[in-house]
Amino acid sequence: MRSARLIILTIALGAGAAAFMLVRNIGQAPDAEVIQVTETVGVMKVLVAARDLKPGTVIASGDLEWQDWPESGAPNLIKETEKPDALSEMNGSVVRSELVIGEPVRMSKVVTVGSGGYLSAVLPPGKRAIATSVSPETGAGGFILPNDRVDVILTRREPDPYEDGKEVLLSDTVLKNVRVLAIDQTVEEQNGETVVVGSVATLELDSRQSETLALAGRMGELSLALRSILDGEEDNSSGTASLGTGRRGDTVKMVRFGVATEVTGGK
């Protein structure tokens, strides 16, 4: 009888121990397995502003640089793989809309040399661009280049105030020290010699000077006199003449029968 109790007690203890181990294993969740996922994002070099660039800034060396940029975010940007020489090609372009440092350059924000809108982008505030016809004889023999400074001379015919039925040639400087923005020069061969010919010069003027040039072009022939580079920065605020019939306030050159004389207005 006593041995039967011992057997039952042993079985009960074993069952209790087994139940304890089972409950313990259930209470302990297995350690979670950590899986590291690495996503590779493609990058490419795009053209960005190396410093803040205000509208009207002429882009020079050092203003732009290449910078890494996600491929997915560069659909309309200037990429090094597509335009490897863009850094040098963009020199001379003009900023149309402000660019901040590190901002990718879009073609809509710049005006490149020779493209539409370039001239308006490089004009200083308050200035106008106006074209006038020139020839080798009236354009300093083709030696005038963009950024040169010139005087505009008007030559016209008027009735001789001293002799009825005769005409005299009058010459006036109507504009002084104005900047040449552009000139359409071409190289041609004339009489066996290579010469530079330009037919239209575009000048940088203010509104009053533009009116003077337009009027002078209808009154006679215009000539451009090339100024020395040493006096090119001379103030041109008073460089507009007053044009109109009956003006005789200046000394002008008069040519009569091949003889040149100076005549002072008011005589």
C-alpha atoms as a PDB file:
ATOM      1  CA  MET A   1       0.000   0.000   0.000  1.00  0.00           C
ATOM      2  CA  ARG A   2       2.788   2.309   0.959  1.00  0.00           C
ATOM      3  CA  SER A   3       4.693   1.572  -2.243  1.00  0.00           C
ATOM      4  CA  ALA A   4       1.605   2.352  -4.345  1.00  0.00           C
ATOM      5  CA  ARG A   5       1.416   5.801  -2.768  1.00  0.00           C
ATOM      6  CA  LEU A   6       5.063   6.435  -3.561  1.00  0.00           C
ATOM      7  CA  ILE A   7       4.489   5.482  -7.173  1.00  0.00           C
ATOM      8  CA  ILE A   8       1.482   7.790  -7.446  1.00  0.00           C
ATOM      9  CA  LEU A   9       3.425  10.674  -5.799  1.00  0.00           C
ATOM     10  CA  THR A  10       6.328  10.207  -8.177  1.00  0.00           C
ATOM     11  CA  ILE A  11       4.012  10.240 -11.181  1.00  0.00           C
ATOM     12  CA  ALA A  12       2.322  13.413  -9.901  1.00  0.00           C
ATOM     13  CA  LEU A  13       5.634  15.181  -9.347  1.00  0.00           C
ATOM     14  CA  GLY A  14       6.800  14.222 -12.838  1.00  0.00           C
ATOM     15  CA  ALA A  15       3.571  15.459 -14.388  1.00  0.00           C
ATOM     16  CA  GLY A  16       3.842  18.726 -12.452  1.00  0.00           C
ATOM     17  CA  ALA A  17       7.404  19.245 -13.587  1.00  0.00           C
ATOM     18  CA  ALA A  18       6.410  18.545 -17.191  1.00  0.00           C
ATOM     19  CA  ALA A  19       3.513  21.002 -16.951  1.00  0.00           C
ATOM     20  CA  PHE A  20       5.788  23.675 -15.439  1.00  0.00           C
ATOM     21  CA  MET A  21       8.321  23.316 -18.263  1.00  0.00           C
ATOM     22  CA  LEU A  22       5.548  23.459 -20.863  1.00  0.00           C
ATOM     23  CA  VAL A  23       4.082  26.655 -19.417  1.00  0.00           C
ATOM     24  CA  ARG A  24       7.534  28.242 -19.199  1.00  0.00           C
ATOM     25  CA  ASN A  25       8.303  27.519 -22.848  1.00  0.00           C
ATOM     26  CA  ILE A  26       4.952  28.934 -23.941  1.00  0.00           C
ATOM     27  CA  GLY A  27       5.545  32.192 -22.013  1.00  0.00           C
ATOM     28  CA  GLN A  28       8.889  32.872 -23.701  1.00  0.00           C
ATOM     29  CA  ALA A  29       8.421  34.120 -27.293  1.00  0.00           C
ATOM     30  CA  PRO A  30      11.268  33.348 -29.663  1.00  0.00           C
ATOM     31  CA  ASP A  31      13.648  36.209 -30.483  1.00  0.00           C
ATOM     32  CA  ALA A  32      12.567  38.128 -33.619  1.00  0.00           C
ATOM     33  CA  GLU A  33      14.906  37.807 -36.557  1.00  0.00           C
ATOM     34  CA  VAL A  34      16.208  41.222 -37.721  1.00  0.00           C
ATOM     35  CA  ILE A  35      16.448  41.561 -41.497  1.00  0.00           C
ATOM     36  CA  GLN A  36      18.320  44.565 -42.869  1.00  0.00           C
ATOM     37  CA  VAL A  37      17.063  45.867 -46.209  1.00  0.00           C
ATOM     38  CA  THR A  38      19.378  48.190 -48.135  1.00  0.00           C
ATOM     39  CA  GLU A  39      17.878  50.195 -51.036  1.00  0.00           C
ATOM     40  CA  THR A  40      20.299  51.509 -53.615  1.00  0.00           C
ATOM     41  CA  VAL A  41      19.315  54.949 -55.050  1.00  0.00           C
ATOM     42  CA  GLY A  42      20.875  55.905 -58.380  1.00  0.00           C
ATOM     43  CA  VAL A  43      22.605  59.308 -58.466  1.00  0.00           C
ATOM     44  CA  MET A  44      23.977  61.477 -61.252  1.00  0.00           C
ATOM     45  CA  LYS A  45      25.787  64.779 -61.466  1.00  0.00           C
ATOM     46  CA  VAL A  46      23.664  67.783 -62.414  1.00  0.00           C
ATOM     47  CA  LEU A  47      24.525  71.453 -62.891  1.00  0.00           C
ATOM     48  CA  VAL A  48      23.730  73.640 -59.858  1.00  0.00           C
ATOM     49  CA  ALA A  49      24.414  77.202 -58.757  1.00  0.00           C
ATOM     50  CA  ALA A  50      27.668  77.526 -56.824  1.00  0.00           C
ATOM     51  CA  ARG A  51      26.461  80.807 -55.281  1.00  0.00           C
ATOM     52  CA  ASP A  52      23.350  82.967 -55.178  1.00  0.00           C
ATOM     53  CA  LEU A  53      22.710  84.444 -58.640  1.00  0.00           C
ATOM     54  CA  LYS A  54      20.397  87.410 -59.066  1.00  0.00           C
ATOM     55  CA  PRO A  55      18.356  88.092 -62.240  1.00  0.00           C
ATOM     56  CA  GLY A  56      20.504  89.810 -64.870  1.00  0.00           C
ATOM     57  CA  THR A  57      23.752  88.216 -63.643  1.00  0.00           C
ATOM     58  CA  VAL A  58      26.076  87.211 -66.468  1.00  0.00           C
ATOM     59  CA  ILE A  59      27.294  83.714 -65.626  1.00  0.00           C
ATOM     60  CA  ALA A  60      31.071  83.422 -65.334  1.00  0.00           C
ATOM     61  CA  SER A  61      33.556  80.729 -64.350  1.00  0.00           C
ATOM     62  CA  GLY A  62      32.925  79.530 -60.797  1.00  0.00           C
ATOM     63  CA  ASP A  63      29.235  80.480 -60.713  1.00  0.00           C
ATOM     64  CA  LEU A  64      28.108  76.904 -61.484  1.00  0.00           C
ATOM     65  CA  GLU A  65      29.278  73.436 -60.451  1.00  0.00           C
ATOM     66  CA  TRP A  66      28.406  69.732 -60.744  1.00  0.00           C
ATOM     67  CA  GLN A  67      26.609  68.102 -57.802  1.00  0.00           C
ATOM     68  CA  ASP A  68      25.262  64.597 -57.083  1.00  0.00           C
ATOM     69  CA  TRP A  69      21.488  64.382 -57.493  1.00  0.00           C
ATOM     70  CA  PRO A  70      19.001  61.449 -57.347  1.00  0.00           C
ATOM     71  CA  GLU A  71      18.250  60.148 -60.832  1.00  0.00           C
ATOM     72  CA  SER A  72      14.540  59.989 -60.080  1.00  0.00           C
ATOM     73  CA  GLY A  73      14.462  63.722 -59.288  1.00  0.00           C
ATOM     74  CA  ALA A  74      16.377  64.973 -62.322  1.00  0.00           C
ATOM     75  CA  PRO A  75      14.073  64.663 -65.335  1.00  0.00           C
ATOM     76  CA  ASN A  76      14.576  68.180 -66.767  1.00  0.00           C
ATOM     77  CA  LEU A  77      17.959  69.118 -65.315  1.00  0.00           C
ATOM     78  CA  ILE A  78      21.303  69.607 -67.048  1.00  0.00           C
ATOM     79  CA  LYS A  79      23.130  66.279 -66.613  1.00  0.00           C
ATOM     80  CA  GLU A  80      26.872  65.794 -66.932  1.00  0.00           C
ATOM     81  CA  THR A  81      26.348  62.587 -68.917  1.00  0.00           C
ATOM     82  CA  GLU A  82      24.337  64.496 -71.539  1.00  0.00           C
ATOM     83  CA  LYS A  83      26.221  67.817 -71.574  1.00  0.00           C
ATOM     84  CA  PRO A  84      29.751  67.279 -70.252  1.00  0.00           C
ATOM     85  CA  ASP A  85      30.895  70.748 -71.448  1.00  0.00           C
ATOM     86  CA  ALA A  86      27.967  72.631 -69.904  1.00  0.00           C
ATOM     87  CA  LEU A  87      30.180  74.448 -67.372  1.00  0.00           C
ATOM     88  CA  SER A  88      32.081  76.266 -70.111  1.00  0.00           C
ATOM     89  CA  GLU A  89      29.140  76.514 -72.495  1.00  0.00           C
ATOM     90  CA  MET A  90      27.038  78.356 -69.915  1.00  0.00           C
ATOM     91  CA  ASN A  91      29.624  81.123 -69.487  1.00  0.00           C
ATOM     92  CA  GLY A  92      28.183  84.367 -70.825  1.00  0.00           C
ATOM     93  CA  SER A  93      24.574  83.267 -70.306  1.00  0.00           C
ATOM     94  CA  VAL A  94      22.304  85.543 -68.308  1.00  0.00           C
ATOM     95  CA  VAL A  95      20.198  84.594 -65.292  1.00  0.00           C
ATOM     96  CA  ARG A  96      16.505  85.234 -66.018  1.00  0.00           C
ATOM     97  CA  SER A  97      15.099  84.053 -62.642  1.00  0.00           C
ATOM     98  CA  GLU A  98      16.944  84.021 -59.317  1.00  0.00           C
ATOM     99  CA  LEU A  99      19.063  80.955 -58.500  1.00  0.00           C
ATOM    100  CA  VAL A 100      20.087  80.128 -54.933  1.00  0.00           C
ATOM    101  CA  ILE A 101      23.223  78.220 -54.002  1.00  0.00           C
ATOM    102  CA  GLY A 102      22.815  74.492 -54.617  1.00  0.00           C
ATOM    103  CA  GLU A 103      19.714  74.925 -56.806  1.00  0.00           C
ATOM    104  CA  PRO A 104      19.741  72.878 -60.034  1.00  0.00           C
ATOM    105  CA  VAL A 105      19.958  74.998 -63.174  1.00  0.00           C
ATOM    106  CA  ARG A 106      16.996  74.758 -65.524  1.00  0.00           C
ATOM    107  CA  MET A 107      17.130  76.233 -69.017  1.00  0.00           C
ATOM    108  CA  SER A 108      13.935  78.159 -68.279  1.00  0.00           C
ATOM    109  CA  LYS A 109      15.861  80.191 -65.686  1.00  0.00           C
ATOM    110  CA  VAL A 110      18.742  81.275 -67.939  1.00  0.00           C
ATOM    111  CA  VAL A 111      19.137  82.921 -71.322  1.00  0.00           C
ATOM    112  CA  THR A 112      21.974  81.562 -73.427  1.00  0.00           C
ATOM    113  CA  VAL A 113      24.073  83.581 -75.840  1.00  0.00           C
ATOM    114  CA  GLY A 114      22.382  83.925 -79.210  1.00  0.00           C
ATOM    115  CA  SER A 115      18.971  82.759 -78.019  1.00  0.00           C
ATOM    116  CA  GLY A 116      15.781  84.782 -78.031  1.00  0.00           C
ATOM    117  CA  GLY A 117      15.518  87.136 -75.111  1.00  0.00           C
ATOM    118  CA  TYR A 118      19.273  87.377 -74.540  1.00  0.00           C
ATOM    119  CA  LEU A 119      19.499  91.030 -75.511  1.00  0.00           C
ATOM    120  CA  SER A 120      16.676  92.084 -73.192  1.00  0.00           C
ATOM    121  CA  ALA A 121      18.353  90.154 -70.374  1.00  0.00           C
ATOM    122  CA  VAL A 122      21.682  91.971 -70.701  1.00  0.00           C
ATOM    123  CA  LEU A 123      20.213  95.472 -71.102  1.00  0.00           C
ATOM    124  CA  PRO A 124      20.655  97.601 -67.973  1.00  0.00           C
ATOM    125  CA  PRO A 125      17.438  98.965 -66.411  1.00  0.00           C
ATOM    126  CA  GLY A 126      16.100 101.985 -68.272  1.00  0.00           C
ATOM    127  CA  LYS A 127      18.063 101.250 -71.450  1.00  0.00           C
ATOM    128  CA  ARG A 128      16.785 100.426 -74.927  1.00  0.00           C
ATOM    129  CA  ALA A 129      18.294  98.514 -77.848  1.00  0.00           C
ATOM    130  CA  ILE A 130      17.759 100.138 -81.242  1.00  0.00           C
ATOM    131  CA  ALA A 131      19.225  99.155 -84.585  1.00  0.00           C
ATOM    132  CA  THR A 132      20.549 101.431 -87.289  1.00  0.00           C
ATOM    133  CA  SER A 133      21.792 100.670 -90.788  1.00  0.00           C
ATOM    134  CA  VAL A 134      25.518 101.005 -91.413  1.00  0.00           C
ATOM    135  CA  SER A 135      27.950 100.287 -94.224  1.00  0.00           C
ATOM    136  CA  PRO A 136      31.744 100.023 -94.420  1.00  0.00           C
ATOM    137  CA  GLU A 137      31.821 103.735 -95.254  1.00  0.00           C
ATOM    138  CA  THR A 138      29.501 104.746 -92.389  1.00  0.00           C
ATOM    139  CA  GLY A 139      30.667 102.144 -89.858  1.00  0.00           C
ATOM    140  CA  ALA A 140      34.385 102.876 -89.413  1.00  0.00           C
ATOM    141  CA  GLY A 141      35.373 100.487 -92.181  1.00  0.00           C
ATOM    142  CA  GLY A 142      34.036  97.427 -90.389  1.00  0.00           C
ATOM    143  CA  PHE A 143      36.247  97.834 -87.311  1.00  0.00           C
ATOM    144  CA  ILE A 144      33.381  98.436 -84.885  1.00  0.00           C
ATOM    145  CA  LEU A 145      32.727  95.491 -82.547  1.00  0.00           C
ATOM    146  CA  PRO A 146      30.253  94.791 -79.736  1.00  0.00           C
ATOM    147  CA  ASN A 147      30.982  96.806 -76.545  1.00  0.00           C
ATOM    148  CA  ASP A 148      32.810  99.510 -78.504  1.00  0.00           C
ATOM    149  CA  ARG A 149      31.774 103.126 -77.915  1.00  0.00           C
ATOM    150  CA  VAL A 150      30.748 105.307 -80.832  1.00  0.00           C
ATOM    151  CA  ASP A 151      29.397 108.737 -81.752  1.00  0.00           C
ATOM    152  CA  VAL A 152      26.469 108.894 -84.153  1.00  0.00           C
ATOM    153  CA  ILE A 153      26.839 111.555 -86.853  1.00  0.00           C
ATOM    154  CA  LEU A 154      23.966 112.769 -89.021  1.00  0.00           C
ATOM    155  CA  THR A 155      24.677 114.112 -92.524  1.00  0.00           C
ATOM    156  CA  ARG A 156      21.769 115.798 -94.297  1.00  0.00           C
ATOM    157  CA  ARG A 157      20.943 118.247 -97.054  1.00  0.00           C
ATOM    158  CA  GLU A 158      19.263 121.578 -96.387  1.00  0.00           C
ATOM    159  CA  PRO A 159      18.517 124.649 -98.514  1.00  0.00           C
ATOM    160  CA  ASP A 160      21.409 127.100 -98.726  1.00  0.00           C
ATOM    161  CA  PRO A 161      20.459 130.022 -96.482  1.00  0.00           C
ATOM    162  CA  TYR A 162      22.631 132.373 -98.565  1.00  0.00           C
ATOM    163  CA  GLU A 163      21.709 131.384-102.121  1.00  0.00           C
ATOM    164  CA  ASP A 164      18.282 130.412-103.415  1.00  0.00           C
ATOM    165  CA  GLY A 165      17.923 127.122-105.260  1.00  0.00           C
ATOM    166  CA  LYS A 166      21.097 125.672-103.790  1.00  0.00           C
ATOM    167  CA  GLU A 167      21.586 122.989-101.139  1.00  0.00           C
ATOM    168  CA  VAL A 168      24.277 122.518 -98.554  1.00  0.00           C
ATOM    169  CA  LEU A 169      25.412 119.443 -96.624  1.00  0.00           C
ATOM    170  CA  LEU A 170      25.247 119.703 -92.842  1.00  0.00           C
ATOM    171  CA  SER A 171      26.924 117.375 -90.384  1.00  0.00           C
ATOM    172  CA  ASP A 172      25.927 117.030 -86.704  1.00  0.00           C
ATOM    173  CA  THR A 173      26.919 114.665 -83.921  1.00  0.00           C
ATOM    174  CA  VAL A 174      23.517 113.642 -82.592  1.00  0.00           C
ATOM    175  CA  LEU A 175      24.644 111.020 -80.052  1.00  0.00           C
ATOM    176  CA  LYS A 176      27.903 110.748 -78.145  1.00  0.00           C
ATOM    177  CA  ASN A 177      29.665 107.876 -76.432  1.00  0.00           C
ATOM    178  CA  VAL A 178      26.983 105.208 -76.869  1.00  0.00           C
ATOM    179  CA  ARG A 179      27.680 101.491 -76.514  1.00  0.00           C
ATOM    180  CA  VAL A 180      27.409  99.055 -79.401  1.00  0.00           C
ATOM    181  CA  LEU A 181      25.498  95.954 -78.288  1.00  0.00           C
ATOM    182  CA  ALA A 182      25.799  93.961 -81.500  1.00  0.00           C
ATOM    183  CA  ILE A 183      26.754  94.310 -85.140  1.00  0.00           C
ATOM    184  CA  ASP A 184      26.032  91.786 -87.885  1.00  0.00           C
ATOM    185  CA  GLN A 185      29.441  91.585 -89.477  1.00  0.00           C
ATOM    186  CA  THR A 186      30.224  89.212 -92.313  1.00  0.00           C
ATOM    187  CA  VAL A 187      33.427  88.617 -94.264  1.00  0.00           C
ATOM    188  CA  GLU A 188      33.198  89.281 -98.002  1.00  0.00           C
ATOM    189  CA  GLU A 189      35.610  89.543-100.910  1.00  0.00           C
ATOM    190  CA  GLN A 190      35.567  92.873-102.714  1.00  0.00           C
ATOM    191  CA  ASN A 191      37.938  93.792-105.525  1.00  0.00           C
ATOM    192  CA  GLY A 192      40.128  90.823-104.701  1.00  0.00           C
ATOM    193  CA  GLU A 193      40.417  91.764-101.020  1.00  0.00           C
ATOM    194  CA  THR A 194      38.766  90.269 -97.951  1.00  0.00           C
ATOM    195  CA  VAL A 195      36.800  92.887 -96.053  1.00  0.00           C
ATOM    196  CA  VAL A 196      34.495  92.878 -93.026  1.00  0.00           C
ATOM    197  CA  VAL A 197      31.031  94.186 -93.807  1.00  0.00           C
ATOM    198  CA  GLY A 198      28.220  95.012 -91.390  1.00  0.00           C
ATOM    199  CA  SER A 199      24.770  96.239 -92.361  1.00  0.00           C
ATOM    200  CA  VAL A 200      23.063  96.755 -88.992  1.00  0.00           C
ATOM    201  CA  ALA A 201      24.430  97.977 -85.658  1.00  0.00           C
ATOM    202  CA  THR A 202      22.424  97.710 -82.441  1.00  0.00           C
ATOM    203  CA  LEU A 203      23.080 100.502 -79.943  1.00  0.00           C
ATOM    204  CA  GLU A 204      22.339 100.816 -76.215  1.00  0.00           C
ATOM    205  CA  LEU A 205      20.380 104.034 -75.639  1.00  0.00           C
ATOM    206  CA  ASP A 206      17.956 105.585 -73.198  1.00  0.00           C
ATOM    207  CA  SER A 207      14.423 106.478 -74.264  1.00  0.00           C
ATOM    208  CA  ARG A 208      15.282 110.045 -75.328  1.00  0.00           C
ATOM    209  CA  GLN A 209      18.308 108.939 -77.298  1.00  0.00           C
ATOM    210  CA  SER A 210      16.194 106.288 -79.031  1.00  0.00           C
ATOM    211  CA  GLU A 211      13.785 108.985 -80.217  1.00  0.00           C
ATOM    212  CA  THR A 212      16.681 111.110 -81.432  1.00  0.00           C
ATOM    213  CA  LEU A 213      18.194 108.253 -83.413  1.00  0.00           C
ATOM    214  CA  ALA A 214      14.850 107.327 -85.006  1.00  0.00           C
ATOM    215  CA  LEU A 215      14.292 110.932 -86.093  1.00  0.00           C
ATOM    216  CA  ALA A 216      17.857 111.385 -87.325  1.00  0.00           C
ATOM    217  CA  GLY A 217      17.580 108.244 -89.451  1.00  0.00           C
ATOM    218  CA  ARG A 218      14.693 109.835 -91.376  1.00  0.00           C
ATOM    219  CA  MET A 219      16.483 113.144 -91.836  1.00  0.00           C
ATOM    220  CA  GLY A 220      19.629 111.905 -93.561  1.00  0.00           C
ATOM    221  CA  GLU A 221      22.507 109.432 -93.516  1.00  0.00           C
ATOM    222  CA  LEU A 222      23.906 108.190 -90.211  1.00  0.00           C
ATOM    223  CA  SER A 223      27.563 107.356 -89.606  1.00  0.00           C
ATOM    224  CA  LEU A 224      29.222 105.753 -86.610  1.00  0.00           C
ATOM    225  CA  ALA A 225      32.492 107.247 -85.403  1.00  0.00           C
ATOM    226  CA  LEU A 226      34.534 104.821 -83.327  1.00  0.00           C
ATOM    227  CA  ARG A 227      35.816 106.289 -80.058  1.00  0.00           C
ATOM    228  CA  SER A 228      39.093 105.489 -78.352  1.00  0.00           C
ATOM    229  CA  ILE A 229      38.932 102.884 -75.608  1.00  0.00           C
ATOM    230  CA  LEU A 230      40.598 105.432 -73.314  1.00  0.00           C
ATOM    231  CA  ASP A 231      37.618 107.798 -73.359  1.00  0.00           C
ATOM    232  CA  GLY A 232      34.933 105.132 -73.638  1.00  0.00           C
ATOM    233  CA  GLU A 233      33.832 105.620 -70.013  1.00  0.00           C
ATOM    234  CA  GLU A 234      33.209 109.331 -70.484  1.00  0.00           C
ATOM    235  CA  ASP A 235      29.806 110.467 -69.207  1.00  0.00           C
ATOM    236  CA  ASN A 236      27.235 110.460 -72.025  1.00  0.00           C
ATOM    237  CA  SER A 237      24.357 112.037 -70.096  1.00  0.00           C
ATOM    238  CA  SER A 238      24.564 115.114 -72.335  1.00  0.00           C
ATOM    239  CA  GLY A 239      25.190 113.149 -75.499  1.00  0.00           C
ATOM    240  CA  THR A 240      21.834 113.843 -77.167  1.00  0.00           C
ATOM    241  CA  ALA A 241      21.414 116.660 -79.643  1.00  0.00           C
ATOM    242  CA  SER A 242      18.144 118.467 -80.246  1.00  0.00           C
ATOM    243  CA  LEU A 243      16.924 117.852 -83.758  1.00  0.00           C
ATOM    244  CA  GLY A 244      14.400 119.996 -85.555  1.00  0.00           C
ATOM    245  CA  THR A 245      13.972 122.374 -88.443  1.00  0.00           C
ATOM    246  CA  GLY A 246      15.488 125.748 -87.979  1.00  0.00           C
ATOM    247  CA  ARG A 247      18.031 124.636 -85.354  1.00  0.00           C
ATOM    248  CA  ARG A 248      21.127 126.760 -85.748  1.00  0.00           C
ATOM    249  CA  GLY A 249      22.694 126.674 -82.318  1.00  0.00           C
ATOM    250  CA  ASP A 250      25.849 124.704 -83.209  1.00  0.00           C
ATOM    251  CA  THR A 251      28.827 125.064 -85.449  1.00  0.00           C
ATOM    252  CA  VAL A 252      28.538 122.655 -88.369  1.00  0.00           C
ATOM    253  CA  LYS A 253      30.586 121.852 -91.416  1.00  0.00           C
ATOM    254  CA  MET A 254      29.193 123.072 -94.751  1.00  0.00           C
ATOM    255  CA  VAL A 255      30.425 121.854 -98.115  1.00  0.00           C
ATOM    256  CA  ARG A 256      29.853 124.232-101.044  1.00  0.00           C
ATOM    257  CA  PHE A 257      31.186 123.419-104.466  1.00  0.00           C
ATOM    258  CA  GLY A 258      33.704 120.993-102.950  1.00  0.00           C
ATOM    259  CA  VAL A 259      35.009 123.538-100.429  1.00  0.00           C
ATOM    260  CA  ALA A 260      34.396 122.717 -96.721  1.00  0.00           C
ATOM    261  CA  THR A 261      33.767 125.616 -94.326  1.00  0.00           C
ATOM    262  CA  GLU A 262      32.407 125.881 -90.785  1.00  0.00           C
ATOM    263  CA  VAL A 263      29.177 127.763 -90.256  1.00  0.00           C
ATOM    264  CA  THR A 264      27.811 128.856 -86.902  1.00  0.00           C
ATOM    265  CA  GLY A 265      24.048 128.726 -86.477  1.00  0.00           C
ATOM    266  CA  GLY A 266      22.124 131.952 -86.112  1.00  0.00           C
ATOM    267  CA  LYS A 267      23.776 133.749 -89.031  1.00  0.00           C
END
